[in-house]
PDB file of N, CA and C in Angstrom:
ATOM      1  N   MET A   1      39.866  15.288 145.169  1.00  0.00           N
ATOM      2  CA  MET A   1      38.672  14.600 144.374  1.00  0.00           C
ATOM      3  C   MET A   1      39.421  13.950 143.137  1.00  0.00           C
ATOM      4  N   ASP A   2      38.985  12.746 142.984  1.00  0.00           N
ATOM      5  CA  ASP A   2      39.618  11.899 141.958  1.00  0.00           C
ATOM      6  C   ASP A   2      38.346  11.414 140.922  1.00  0.00           C
ATOM      7  N   LEU A   3      38.361  12.010 139.817  1.00  0.00           N
ATOM      8  CA  LEU A   3      37.438  11.691 138.863  1.00  0.00           C
ATOM      9  C   LEU A   3      37.266  10.371 138.420  1.00  0.00           C
ATOM     10  N   SER A   4      38.413   9.689 138.221  1.00  0.00           N
ATOM     11  CA  SER A   4      38.470   8.373 137.842  1.00  0.00           C
ATOM     12  C   SER A   4      37.898   7.233 138.961  1.00  0.00           C
ATOM     13  N   ALA A   5      38.102   7.545 140.147  1.00  0.00           N
ATOM     14  CA  ALA A   5      37.676   6.813 141.213  1.00  0.00           C
ATOM     15  C   ALA A   5      36.224   7.096 141.472  1.00  0.00           C
ATOM     16  N   PHE A   6      35.906   8.273 141.254  1.00  0.00           N
ATOM     17  CA  PHE A   6      34.219   8.688 141.291  1.00  0.00           C
ATOM     18  C   PHE A   6      33.455   7.879 140.271  1.00  0.00           C
ATOM     19  N   VAL A   7      34.072   7.905 138.959  1.00  0.00           N
ATOM     20  CA  VAL A   7      33.270   7.223 138.035  1.00  0.00           C
ATOM     21  C   VAL A   7      33.192   5.771 138.461  1.00  0.00           C
ATOM     22  N   THR A   8      34.460   5.054 138.923  1.00  0.00           N
ATOM     23  CA  THR A   8      34.346   3.673 139.202  1.00  0.00           C
ATOM     24  C   THR A   8      33.318   3.361 140.424  1.00  0.00           C
ATOM     25  N   LYS A   9      33.159   4.301 141.254  1.00  0.00           N
ATOM     26  CA  LYS A   9      32.276   4.128 142.345  1.00  0.00           C
ATOM     27  C   LYS A   9      30.796   4.218 141.753  1.00  0.00           C
ATOM     28  N   ILE A  10      30.476   4.912 140.766  1.00  0.00           N
ATOM     29  CA  ILE A  10      29.213   4.831 140.064  1.00  0.00           C
ATOM     30  C   ILE A  10      28.979   3.590 139.264  1.00  0.00           C
ATOM     31  N   LYS A  11      30.002   3.039 138.711  1.00  0.00           N
ATOM     32  CA  LYS A  11      29.812   1.732 138.005  1.00  0.00           C
ATOM     33  C   LYS A  11      29.669   0.527 138.804  1.00  0.00           C
ATOM     34  N   GLU A  12      30.053   0.666 140.170  1.00  0.00           N
ATOM     35  CA  GLU A  12      30.002  -0.680 140.936  1.00  0.00           C
ATOM     36  C   GLU A  12      28.526  -0.977 141.065  1.00  0.00           C
ATOM     37  N   GLY A  13      28.312  -2.316 140.975  1.00  0.00           N
ATOM     38  CA  GLY A  13      27.041  -2.787 140.976  1.00  0.00           C
ATOM     39  C   GLY A  13      26.044  -2.641 139.905  1.00  0.00           C
ATOM     40  N   LEU A  14      26.383  -2.004 138.820  1.00  0.00           N
ATOM     41  CA  LEU A  14      25.604  -1.829 137.654  1.00  0.00           C
ATOM     42  C   LEU A  14      25.239  -3.072 136.813  1.00  0.00           C
ATOM     43  N   HIS A  15      26.296  -3.874 136.764  1.00  0.00           N
ATOM     44  CA  HIS A  15      26.154  -5.115 135.938  1.00  0.00           C
ATOM     45  C   HIS A  15      25.595  -4.943 134.691  1.00  0.00           C
ATOM     46  N   GLY A  16      26.039  -3.910 133.897  1.00  0.00           N
ATOM     47  CA  GLY A  16      25.584  -3.878 132.605  1.00  0.00           C
ATOM     48  C   GLY A  16      24.100  -3.245 132.470  1.00  0.00           C
ATOM     49  N   GLU A  17      23.557  -2.738 133.532  1.00  0.00           N
ATOM     50  CA  GLU A  17      22.287  -2.269 133.448  1.00  0.00           C
ATOM     51  C   GLU A  17      22.200  -0.813 132.927  1.00  0.00           C
ATOM     52  N   ALA A  18      23.175  -0.062 132.927  1.00  0.00           N
ATOM     53  CA  ALA A  18      23.077   1.330 132.565  1.00  0.00           C
ATOM     54  C   ALA A  18      23.744   1.533 131.061  1.00  0.00           C
ATOM     55  N   GLY A  19      23.084   2.295 130.294  1.00  0.00           N
ATOM     56  CA  GLY A  19      23.571   2.623 128.903  1.00  0.00           C
ATOM     57  C   GLY A  19      24.147   3.818 128.957  1.00  0.00           C
ATOM     58  N   MET A  20      24.111   4.700 129.902  1.00  0.00           N
ATOM     59  CA  MET A  20      24.778   5.927 129.911  1.00  0.00           C
ATOM     60  C   MET A  20      25.178   6.276 131.265  1.00  0.00           C
ATOM     61  N   ILE A  21      26.356   6.752 131.528  1.00  0.00           N
ATOM     62  CA  ILE A  21      26.832   7.553 132.720  1.00  0.00           C
ATOM     63  C   ILE A  21      27.210   8.929 132.470  1.00  0.00           C
ATOM     64  N   LEU A  22      26.662   9.964 132.949  1.00  0.00           N
ATOM     65  CA  LEU A  22      26.954  11.293 132.797  1.00  0.00           C
ATOM     66  C   LEU A  22      27.618  11.883 133.939  1.00  0.00           C
ATOM     67  N   VAL A  23      28.685  12.626 133.955  1.00  0.00           N
ATOM     68  CA  VAL A  23      29.292  13.397 135.178  1.00  0.00           C
ATOM     69  C   VAL A  23      29.419  14.739 134.709  1.00  0.00           C
ATOM     70  N   HIS A  24      29.063  15.511 135.893  1.00  0.00           N
ATOM     71  CA  HIS A  24      29.164  16.905 135.864  1.00  0.00           C
ATOM     72  C   HIS A  24      30.410  17.223 136.837  1.00  0.00           C
ATOM     73  N   ASP A  25      31.459  18.124 136.265  1.00  0.00           N
ATOM     74  CA  ASP A  25      32.360  18.454 137.088  1.00  0.00           C
ATOM     75  C   ASP A  25      32.427  19.991 137.282  1.00  0.00           C
ATOM     76  N   GLY A  26      31.895  20.489 138.549  1.00  0.00           N
ATOM     77  CA  GLY A  26      31.727  21.919 138.713  1.00  0.00           C
ATOM     78  C   GLY A  26      33.189  22.453 139.153  1.00  0.00           C
ATOM     79  N   VAL A  27      33.622  23.524 138.574  1.00  0.00           N
ATOM     80  CA  VAL A  27      34.893  24.068 138.766  1.00  0.00           C
ATOM     81  C   VAL A  27      34.726  25.605 139.044  1.00  0.00           C
ATOM     82  N   VAL A  28      35.672  26.007 140.031  1.00  0.00           N
ATOM     83  CA  VAL A  28      35.729  27.408 140.247  1.00  0.00           C
ATOM     84  C   VAL A  28      36.260  28.265 139.049  1.00  0.00           C
ATOM     85  N   ARG A  29      35.310  29.088 138.684  1.00  0.00           N
ATOM     86  CA  ARG A  29      35.790  29.882 137.576  1.00  0.00           C
ATOM     87  C   ARG A  29      36.322  31.320 137.868  1.00  0.00           C
ATOM     88  N   GLY A  30      37.013  32.159 137.212  1.00  0.00           N
ATOM     89  CA  GLY A  30      37.658  33.381 137.600  1.00  0.00           C
ATOM     90  C   GLY A  30      36.682  34.490 137.361  1.00  0.00           C
ATOM     91  N   SER A  31      35.608  34.319 137.022  1.00  0.00           N
ATOM     92  CA  SER A  31      34.567  35.411 137.073  1.00  0.00           C
ATOM     93  C   SER A  31      33.304  35.085 137.533  1.00  0.00           C
ATOM     94  N   SER A  32      32.511  35.955 137.960  1.00  0.00           N
ATOM     95  CA  SER A  32      31.227  35.851 138.494  1.00  0.00           C
ATOM     96  C   SER A  32      30.224  35.712 137.450  1.00  0.00           C
ATOM     97  N   ARG A  33      28.983  35.330 137.734  1.00  0.00           N
ATOM     98  CA  ARG A  33      27.985  35.544 136.622  1.00  0.00           C
ATOM     99  C   ARG A  33      27.754  36.938 136.043  1.00  0.00           C
ATOM    100  N   SER A  34      28.005  37.853 136.731  1.00  0.00           N
ATOM    101  CA  SER A  34      27.917  39.167 136.353  1.00  0.00           C
ATOM    102  C   SER A  34      29.097  39.852 135.597  1.00  0.00           C
ATOM    103  N   GLY A  35      30.127  39.030 135.553  1.00  0.00           N
ATOM    104  CA  GLY A  35      31.310  39.402 134.899  1.00  0.00           C
ATOM    105  C   GLY A  35      32.590  39.910 135.777  1.00  0.00           C
ATOM    106  N   GLY A  36      32.288  39.983 136.978  1.00  0.00           N
ATOM    107  CA  GLY A  36      33.427  40.508 138.001  1.00  0.00           C
ATOM    108  C   GLY A  36      34.356  39.588 138.238  1.00  0.00           C
ATOM    109  N   PRO A  37      35.447  39.873 138.616  1.00  0.00           N
ATOM    110  CA  PRO A  37      36.642  39.008 138.877  1.00  0.00           C
ATOM    111  C   PRO A  37      36.300  38.390 140.174  1.00  0.00           C
ATOM    112  N   VAL A  38      36.753  36.955 140.153  1.00  0.00           N
ATOM    113  CA  VAL A  38      36.618  36.020 141.349  1.00  0.00           C
ATOM    114  C   VAL A  38      38.183  35.367 141.431  1.00  0.00           C
ATOM    115  N   THR A  39      38.427  35.345 142.648  1.00  0.00           N
ATOM    116  CA  THR A  39      39.781  34.778 143.126  1.00  0.00           C
ATOM    117  C   THR A  39      39.637  33.384 143.794  1.00  0.00           C
ATOM    118  N   SER A  40      38.517  33.267 144.524  1.00  0.00           N
ATOM    119  CA  SER A  40      38.237  32.104 145.260  1.00  0.00           C
ATOM    120  C   SER A  40      36.718  32.149 145.591  1.00  0.00           C
ATOM    121  N   ILE A  41      36.257  31.073 146.098  1.00  0.00           N
ATOM    122  CA  ILE A  41      34.750  31.030 146.658  1.00  0.00           C
ATOM    123  C   ILE A  41      34.928  30.318 148.073  1.00  0.00           C
ATOM    124  N   GLU A  42      33.973  30.497 148.765  1.00  0.00           N
ATOM    125  CA  GLU A  42      33.753  29.608 149.998  1.00  0.00           C
ATOM    126  C   GLU A  42      32.422  28.726 149.807  1.00  0.00           C
ATOM    127  N   VAL A  43      32.525  27.478 150.020  1.00  0.00           N
ATOM    128  CA  VAL A  43      31.322  26.696 149.705  1.00  0.00           C
ATOM    129  C   VAL A  43      30.882  26.113 151.044  1.00  0.00           C
ATOM    130  N   ARG A  44      29.618  26.068 151.422  1.00  0.00           N
ATOM    131  CA  ARG A  44      29.023  25.340 152.567  1.00  0.00           C
ATOM    132  C   ARG A  44      27.941  24.346 151.872  1.00  0.00           C
ATOM    133  N   VAL A  45      27.796  23.133 152.660  1.00  0.00           N
ATOM    134  CA  VAL A  45      26.934  22.251 151.940  1.00  0.00           C
ATOM    135  C   VAL A  45      26.159  21.722 153.118  1.00  0.00           C
ATOM    136  N   ASP A  46      24.759  21.619 152.744  1.00  0.00           N
ATOM    137  CA  ASP A  46      23.837  20.855 153.775  1.00  0.00           C
ATOM    138  C   ASP A  46      23.738  19.402 153.328  1.00  0.00           C
ATOM    139  N   ARG A  47      24.633  18.621 154.049  1.00  0.00           N
ATOM    140  CA  ARG A  47      24.733  17.118 153.746  1.00  0.00           C
ATOM    141  C   ARG A  47      23.410  16.457 153.882  1.00  0.00           C
ATOM    142  N   GLU A  48      22.669  16.817 154.904  1.00  0.00           N
ATOM    143  CA  GLU A  48      21.280  15.879 155.057  1.00  0.00           C
ATOM    144  C   GLU A  48      20.427  16.274 153.871  1.00  0.00           C
ATOM    145  N   ARG A  49      20.365  17.524 153.277  1.00  0.00           N
ATOM    146  CA  ARG A  49      19.404  17.792 152.229  1.00  0.00           C
ATOM    147  C   ARG A  49      20.063  17.050 151.146  1.00  0.00           C
ATOM    148  N   LEU A  50      21.382  17.149 150.869  1.00  0.00           N
ATOM    149  CA  LEU A  50      21.984  16.331 149.836  1.00  0.00           C
ATOM    150  C   LEU A  50      21.682  14.898 149.750  1.00  0.00           C
ATOM    151  N   SER A  51      21.657  14.237 150.804  1.00  0.00           N
ATOM    152  CA  SER A  51      21.233  12.796 150.892  1.00  0.00           C
ATOM    153  C   SER A  51      19.786  12.645 150.621  1.00  0.00           C
ATOM    154  N   GLN A  52      18.921  13.576 151.032  1.00  0.00           N
ATOM    155  CA  GLN A  52      17.590  13.618 150.606  1.00  0.00           C
ATOM    156  C   GLN A  52      17.244  13.578 149.067  1.00  0.00           C
ATOM    157  N   ILE A  53      18.153  14.505 148.415  1.00  0.00           N
ATOM    158  CA  ILE A  53      17.873  14.724 147.022  1.00  0.00           C
ATOM    159  C   ILE A  53      18.556  13.609 146.195  1.00  0.00           C
ATOM    160  N   LEU A  54      19.515  13.028 146.689  1.00  0.00           N
ATOM    161  CA  LEU A  54      20.154  11.897 145.979  1.00  0.00           C
ATOM    162  C   LEU A  54      19.204  10.641 145.977  1.00  0.00           C
ATOM    163  N   ALA A  55      18.594  10.373 147.354  1.00  0.00           N
ATOM    164  CA  ALA A  55      17.727   9.350 147.487  1.00  0.00           C
ATOM    165  C   ALA A  55      16.483   9.397 146.545  1.00  0.00           C
ATOM    166  N   ASP A  56      16.016  10.804 146.445  1.00  0.00           N
ATOM    167  CA  ASP A  56      14.841  11.093 145.449  1.00  0.00           C
ATOM    168  C   ASP A  56      15.280  10.697 144.038  1.00  0.00           C
ATOM    169  N   ALA A  57      16.448  11.037 143.743  1.00  0.00           N
ATOM    170  CA  ALA A  57      17.030  10.827 142.303  1.00  0.00           C
ATOM    171  C   ALA A  57      17.068   9.343 141.989  1.00  0.00           C
ATOM    172  N   ARG A  58      17.534   8.482 143.084  1.00  0.00           N
ATOM    173  CA  ARG A  58      17.699   7.202 142.748  1.00  0.00           C
ATOM    174  C   ARG A  58      16.483   6.420 142.410  1.00  0.00           C
ATOM    175  N   ARG A  59      15.286   7.113 142.781  1.00  0.00           N
ATOM    176  CA  ARG A  59      13.901   6.490 142.520  1.00  0.00           C
ATOM    177  C   ARG A  59      13.430   6.905 141.174  1.00  0.00           C
ATOM    178  N   LEU A  60      14.028   7.845 140.439  1.00  0.00           N
ATOM    179  CA  LEU A  60      13.476   8.296 139.134  1.00  0.00           C
ATOM    180  C   LEU A  60      13.572   7.129 138.199  1.00  0.00           C
ATOM    181  N   VAL A  61      12.508   7.070 137.334  1.00  0.00           N
ATOM    182  CA  VAL A  61      12.337   6.079 136.257  1.00  0.00           C
ATOM    183  C   VAL A  61      13.597   6.017 135.388  1.00  0.00           C
ATOM    184  N   GLY A  62      14.185   4.905 134.984  1.00  0.00           N
ATOM    185  CA  GLY A  62      15.336   4.641 134.407  1.00  0.00           C
ATOM    186  C   GLY A  62      16.572   4.977 134.909  1.00  0.00           C
ATOM    187  N   ILE A  63      16.837   5.579 136.112  1.00  0.00           N
ATOM    188  CA  ILE A  63      18.085   5.917 136.824  1.00  0.00           C
ATOM    189  C   ILE A  63      18.452   4.642 137.650  1.00  0.00           C
ATOM    190  N   LYS A  64      19.748   4.300 137.472  1.00  0.00           N
ATOM    191  CA  LYS A  64      20.266   3.161 138.111  1.00  0.00           C
ATOM    192  C   LYS A  64      21.359   3.522 139.289  1.00  0.00           C
ATOM    193  N   ALA A  65      21.820   4.706 139.377  1.00  0.00           N
ATOM    194  CA  ALA A  65      22.805   4.991 140.190  1.00  0.00           C
ATOM    195  C   ALA A  65      23.137   6.542 140.075  1.00  0.00           C
ATOM    196  N   VAL A  66      23.143   7.183 141.379  1.00  0.00           N
ATOM    197  CA  VAL A  66      23.369   8.613 141.457  1.00  0.00           C
ATOM    198  C   VAL A  66      24.326   8.795 142.607  1.00  0.00           C
ATOM    199  N   GLU A  67      25.376   9.514 142.249  1.00  0.00           N
ATOM    200  CA  GLU A  67      26.461   9.843 143.370  1.00  0.00           C
ATOM    201  C   GLU A  67      26.888  11.279 143.163  1.00  0.00           C
ATOM    202  N   ALA A  68      27.229  11.811 144.453  1.00  0.00           N
ATOM    203  CA  ALA A  68      27.632  13.279 144.548  1.00  0.00           C
ATOM    204  C   ALA A  68      28.820  13.496 145.325  1.00  0.00           C
ATOM    205  N   GLU A  69      29.771  14.175 145.078  1.00  0.00           N
ATOM    206  CA  GLU A  69      30.791  14.554 145.890  1.00  0.00           C
ATOM    207  C   GLU A  69      31.030  15.950 145.834  1.00  0.00           C
ATOM    208  N   ILE A  70      30.899  16.774 147.096  1.00  0.00           N
ATOM    209  CA  ILE A  70      31.048  18.259 146.958  1.00  0.00           C
ATOM    210  C   ILE A  70      32.052  18.657 148.154  1.00  0.00           C
ATOM    211  N   ARG A  71      33.063  19.464 147.670  1.00  0.00           N
ATOM    212  CA  ARG A  71      34.114  19.946 148.711  1.00  0.00           C
ATOM    213  C   ARG A  71      33.505  21.198 149.343  1.00  0.00           C
ATOM    214  N   GLU A  72      33.892  21.489 150.604  1.00  0.00           N
ATOM    215  CA  GLU A  72      33.508  22.590 151.312  1.00  0.00           C
ATOM    216  C   GLU A  72      34.694  23.482 151.707  1.00  0.00           C
ATOM    217  N   GLY A  73      34.584  24.663 152.176  1.00  0.00           N
ATOM    218  CA  GLY A  73      35.563  25.497 152.338  1.00  0.00           C
ATOM    219  C   GLY A  73      36.016  26.478 151.332  1.00  0.00           C
ATOM    220  N   ARG A  74      37.150  26.966 151.426  1.00  0.00           N
ATOM    221  CA  ARG A  74      37.782  27.978 150.593  1.00  0.00           C
ATOM    222  C   ARG A  74      38.255  27.227 149.311  1.00  0.00           C
ATOM    223  N   LEU A  75      37.869  27.564 148.235  1.00  0.00           N
ATOM    224  CA  LEU A  75      38.272  26.988 146.976  1.00  0.00           C
ATOM    225  C   LEU A  75      38.710  28.015 145.946  1.00  0.00           C
ATOM    226  N   TYR A  76      39.814  27.765 145.200  1.00  0.00           N
ATOM    227  CA  TYR A  76      40.475  28.603 144.345  1.00  0.00           C
ATOM    228  C   TYR A  76      40.178  28.464 142.913  1.00  0.00           C
ATOM    229  N   VAL A  77      40.234  29.397 141.976  1.00  0.00           N
ATOM    230  CA  VAL A  77      39.987  29.398 140.605  1.00  0.00           C
ATOM    231  C   VAL A  77      40.765  28.227 140.060  1.00  0.00           C
ATOM    232  N   GLY A  78      39.864  27.301 139.324  1.00  0.00           N
ATOM    233  CA  GLY A  78      40.517  26.096 138.724  1.00  0.00           C
ATOM    234  C   GLY A  78      40.258  24.752 139.439  1.00  0.00           C
ATOM    235  N   GLU A  79      39.945  24.892 140.707  1.00  0.00           N
ATOM    236  CA  GLU A  79      39.550  23.759 141.523  1.00  0.00           C
ATOM    237  C   GLU A  79      38.203  23.169 141.312  1.00  0.00           C
ATOM    238  N   ASP A  80      38.102  21.832 141.488  1.00  0.00           N
ATOM    239  CA  ASP A  80      36.848  21.207 141.461  1.00  0.00           C
ATOM    240  C   ASP A  80      35.917  21.513 142.729  1.00  0.00           C
ATOM    241  N   ILE A  81      34.847  21.730 142.456  1.00  0.00           N
ATOM    242  CA  ILE A  81      33.809  21.990 143.547  1.00  0.00           C
ATOM    243  C   ILE A  81      32.964  20.771 143.755  1.00  0.00           C
ATOM    244  N   MET A  82      32.457  20.345 142.691  1.00  0.00           N
ATOM    245  CA  MET A  82      31.436  19.078 142.883  1.00  0.00           C
ATOM    246  C   MET A  82      31.598  18.184 141.718  1.00  0.00           C
ATOM    247  N   PHE A  83      31.522  16.955 142.001  1.00  0.00           N
ATOM    248  CA  PHE A  83      31.185  15.935 140.900  1.00  0.00           C
ATOM    249  C   PHE A  83      29.710  15.506 141.217  1.00  0.00           C
ATOM    250  N   LEU A  84      28.891  15.298 140.142  1.00  0.00           N
ATOM    251  CA  LEU A  84      27.608  14.786 140.228  1.00  0.00           C
ATOM    252  C   LEU A  84      27.601  13.648 139.063  1.00  0.00           C
ATOM    253  N   GLY A  85      27.359  12.414 139.400  1.00  0.00           N
ATOM    254  CA  GLY A  85      27.314  11.432 138.334  1.00  0.00           C
ATOM    255  C   GLY A  85      25.947  10.552 138.482  1.00  0.00           C
ATOM    256  N   ILE A  86      25.548  10.365 137.178  1.00  0.00           N
ATOM    257  CA  ILE A  86      24.315   9.700 137.139  1.00  0.00           C
ATOM    258  C   ILE A  86      24.331   8.596 136.125  1.00  0.00           C
ATOM    259  N   ALA A  87      23.837   7.458 136.376  1.00  0.00           N
ATOM    260  CA  ALA A  87      23.934   6.306 135.375  1.00  0.00           C
ATOM    261  C   ALA A  87      22.365   5.770 135.224  1.00  0.00           C
ATOM    262  N   GLY A  88      22.032   5.591 134.004  1.00  0.00           N
ATOM    263  CA  GLY A  88      20.606   5.324 133.653  1.00  0.00           C
ATOM    264  C   GLY A  88      20.614   4.510 132.338  1.00  0.00           C
ATOM    265  N   ASP A  89      19.380   4.050 132.173  1.00  0.00           N
ATOM    266  CA  ASP A  89      18.997   3.289 130.976  1.00  0.00           C
ATOM    267  C   ASP A  89      19.274   3.954 129.645  1.00  0.00           C
ATOM    268  N   THR A  90      18.871   5.150 129.544  1.00  0.00           N
ATOM    269  CA  THR A  90      19.036   5.891 128.122  1.00  0.00           C
ATOM    270  C   THR A  90      19.628   7.304 128.324  1.00  0.00           C
ATOM    271  N   ARG A  91      19.995   7.935 127.329  1.00  0.00           N
ATOM    272  CA  ARG A  91      20.649   9.426 127.573  1.00  0.00           C
ATOM    273  C   ARG A  91      19.388  10.392 127.858  1.00  0.00           C
ATOM    274  N   GLU A  92      18.238  10.131 127.439  1.00  0.00           N
ATOM    275  CA  GLU A  92      17.162  10.938 127.663  1.00  0.00           C
ATOM    276  C   GLU A  92      16.929  10.982 129.156  1.00  0.00           C
ATOM    277  N   ASP A  93      16.802   9.678 129.773  1.00  0.00           N
ATOM    278  CA  ASP A  93      16.646   9.611 131.124  1.00  0.00           C
ATOM    279  C   ASP A  93      17.670  10.192 131.941  1.00  0.00           C
ATOM    280  N   VAL A  94      18.904  10.185 131.500  1.00  0.00           N
ATOM    281  CA  VAL A  94      20.092  10.641 132.293  1.00  0.00           C
ATOM    282  C   VAL A  94      20.227  12.032 132.194  1.00  0.00           C
ATOM    283  N   ILE A  95      20.142  12.622 130.981  1.00  0.00           N
ATOM    284  CA  ILE A  95      20.244  14.269 130.910  1.00  0.00           C
ATOM    285  C   ILE A  95      19.208  14.859 131.622  1.00  0.00           C
ATOM    286  N   GLN A  96      17.886  14.336 131.522  1.00  0.00           N
ATOM    287  CA  GLN A  96      16.870  15.094 132.168  1.00  0.00           C
ATOM    288  C   GLN A  96      17.130  14.978 133.712  1.00  0.00           C
ATOM    289  N   ALA A  97      17.553  13.795 134.253  1.00  0.00           N
ATOM    290  CA  ALA A  97      17.815  13.678 135.579  1.00  0.00           C
ATOM    291  C   ALA A  97      18.876  14.627 135.985  1.00  0.00           C
ATOM    292  N   MET A  98      20.060  14.699 135.214  1.00  0.00           N
ATOM    293  CA  MET A  98      21.162  15.484 135.411  1.00  0.00           C
ATOM    294  C   MET A  98      20.783  17.064 135.674  1.00  0.00           C
ATOM    295  N   ALA A  99      20.107  17.539 134.695  1.00  0.00           N
ATOM    296  CA  ALA A  99      19.627  18.886 134.796  1.00  0.00           C
ATOM    297  C   ALA A  99      18.724  19.209 136.045  1.00  0.00           C
ATOM    298  N   SER A 100      17.766  18.292 136.276  1.00  0.00           N
ATOM    299  CA  SER A 100      16.806  18.443 137.492  1.00  0.00           C
ATOM    300  C   SER A 100      17.627  18.273 138.876  1.00  0.00           C
ATOM    301  N   ILE A 101      18.642  17.251 139.027  1.00  0.00           N
ATOM    302  CA  ILE A 101      19.264  17.103 140.273  1.00  0.00           C
ATOM    303  C   ILE A 101      20.331  18.219 140.472  1.00  0.00           C
ATOM    304  N   LEU A 102      20.902  18.632 139.487  1.00  0.00           N
ATOM    305  CA  LEU A 102      22.019  19.691 139.570  1.00  0.00           C
ATOM    306  C   LEU A 102      21.289  21.019 139.881  1.00  0.00           C
ATOM    307  N   ASP A 103      20.122  21.329 139.456  1.00  0.00           N
ATOM    308  CA  ASP A 103      19.311  22.615 139.906  1.00  0.00           C
ATOM    309  C   ASP A 103      18.991  22.466 141.346  1.00  0.00           C
ATOM    310  N   ARG A 104      18.444  21.474 141.808  1.00  0.00           N
ATOM    311  CA  ARG A 104      18.070  21.067 143.084  1.00  0.00           C
ATOM    312  C   ARG A 104      19.298  21.380 143.960  1.00  0.00           C
ATOM    313  N   ILE A 105      20.420  20.676 143.636  1.00  0.00           N
ATOM    314  CA  ILE A 105      21.578  20.912 144.537  1.00  0.00           C
ATOM    315  C   ILE A 105      21.967  22.292 144.626  1.00  0.00           C
ATOM    316  N   LYS A 106      22.143  22.961 143.498  1.00  0.00           N
ATOM    317  CA  LYS A 106      22.607  24.314 143.566  1.00  0.00           C
ATOM    318  C   LYS A 106      21.471  25.303 144.451  1.00  0.00           C
ATOM    319  N   LYS A 107      20.253  25.034 144.286  1.00  0.00           N
ATOM    320  CA  LYS A 107      19.179  25.806 144.930  1.00  0.00           C
ATOM    321  C   LYS A 107      19.063  25.405 146.526  1.00  0.00           C
ATOM    322  N   GLU A 108      19.129  24.155 146.859  1.00  0.00           N
ATOM    323  CA  GLU A 108      18.730  23.647 148.093  1.00  0.00           C
ATOM    324  C   GLU A 108      19.874  23.154 149.043  1.00  0.00           C
ATOM    325  N   VAL A 109      21.125  22.929 148.507  1.00  0.00           N
ATOM    326  CA  VAL A 109      22.312  22.194 149.156  1.00  0.00           C
ATOM    327  C   VAL A 109      23.377  23.162 149.322  1.00  0.00           C
ATOM    328  N   THR A 110      23.912  23.832 148.285  1.00  0.00           N
ATOM    329  CA  THR A 110      25.264  24.561 148.395  1.00  0.00           C
ATOM    330  C   THR A 110      24.875  25.969 148.638  1.00  0.00           C
ATOM    331  N   ARG A 111      25.828  26.594 149.434  1.00  0.00           N
ATOM    332  CA  ARG A 111      25.811  28.130 149.472  1.00  0.00           C
ATOM    333  C   ARG A 111      27.190  28.529 149.334  1.00  0.00           C
ATOM    334  N   THR A 112      27.251  29.389 148.236  1.00  0.00           N
ATOM    335  CA  THR A 112      28.715  29.878 148.141  1.00  0.00           C
ATOM    336  C   THR A 112      28.725  31.431 148.189  1.00  0.00           C
ATOM    337  N   ARG A 113      30.014  31.895 148.604  1.00  0.00           N
ATOM    338  CA  ARG A 113      30.229  33.195 148.813  1.00  0.00           C
ATOM    339  C   ARG A 113      31.630  33.450 147.888  1.00  0.00           C
ATOM    340  N   GLU A 114      31.514  34.424 147.027  1.00  0.00           N
ATOM    341  CA  GLU A 114      32.680  34.870 146.067  1.00  0.00           C
ATOM    342  C   GLU A 114      33.610  35.779 146.765  1.00  0.00           C
ATOM    343  N   PHE A 115      34.970  35.596 146.334  1.00  0.00           N
ATOM    344  CA  PHE A 115      35.953  36.661 146.872  1.00  0.00           C
ATOM    345  C   PHE A 115      36.882  36.965 145.676  1.00  0.00           C
ATOM    346  N   SER A 116      37.201  38.418 145.654  1.00  0.00           N
ATOM    347  CA  SER A 116      38.121  38.958 144.568  1.00  0.00           C
ATOM    348  C   SER A 116      39.388  39.557 145.158  1.00  0.00           C
ATOM    349  N   ASP A 117      39.851  38.901 146.275  1.00  0.00           N
ATOM    350  CA  ASP A 117      41.060  39.408 147.061  1.00  0.00           C
ATOM    351  C   ASP A 117      41.889  40.234 146.287  1.00  0.00           C
TER     352      ASP A 117
END
């Protein structure tokens, strides 16, 4: 995953229409939400559902571009899991969209299993 290339992809075709681009970089952390150790995770992605959510997001008021890149398989502490990028008119539009879309992806698209080998 290349963050610079990802941002370039979001900017393509904007022609100055966006006032903000916000990028989320999800990373494998070394502990679970409950505080237990984590050495790796396994990620599965529902690509069809992801496409639907991104299409919905692109229709939001003030949003000019939305892209996501999610890795699947076994990932280790410190590795990137997901990039989610949103471009829009104002920071209010973009921040609100980011929170909403990120929550939907976590609930509806990705399935993870933690390991503490």
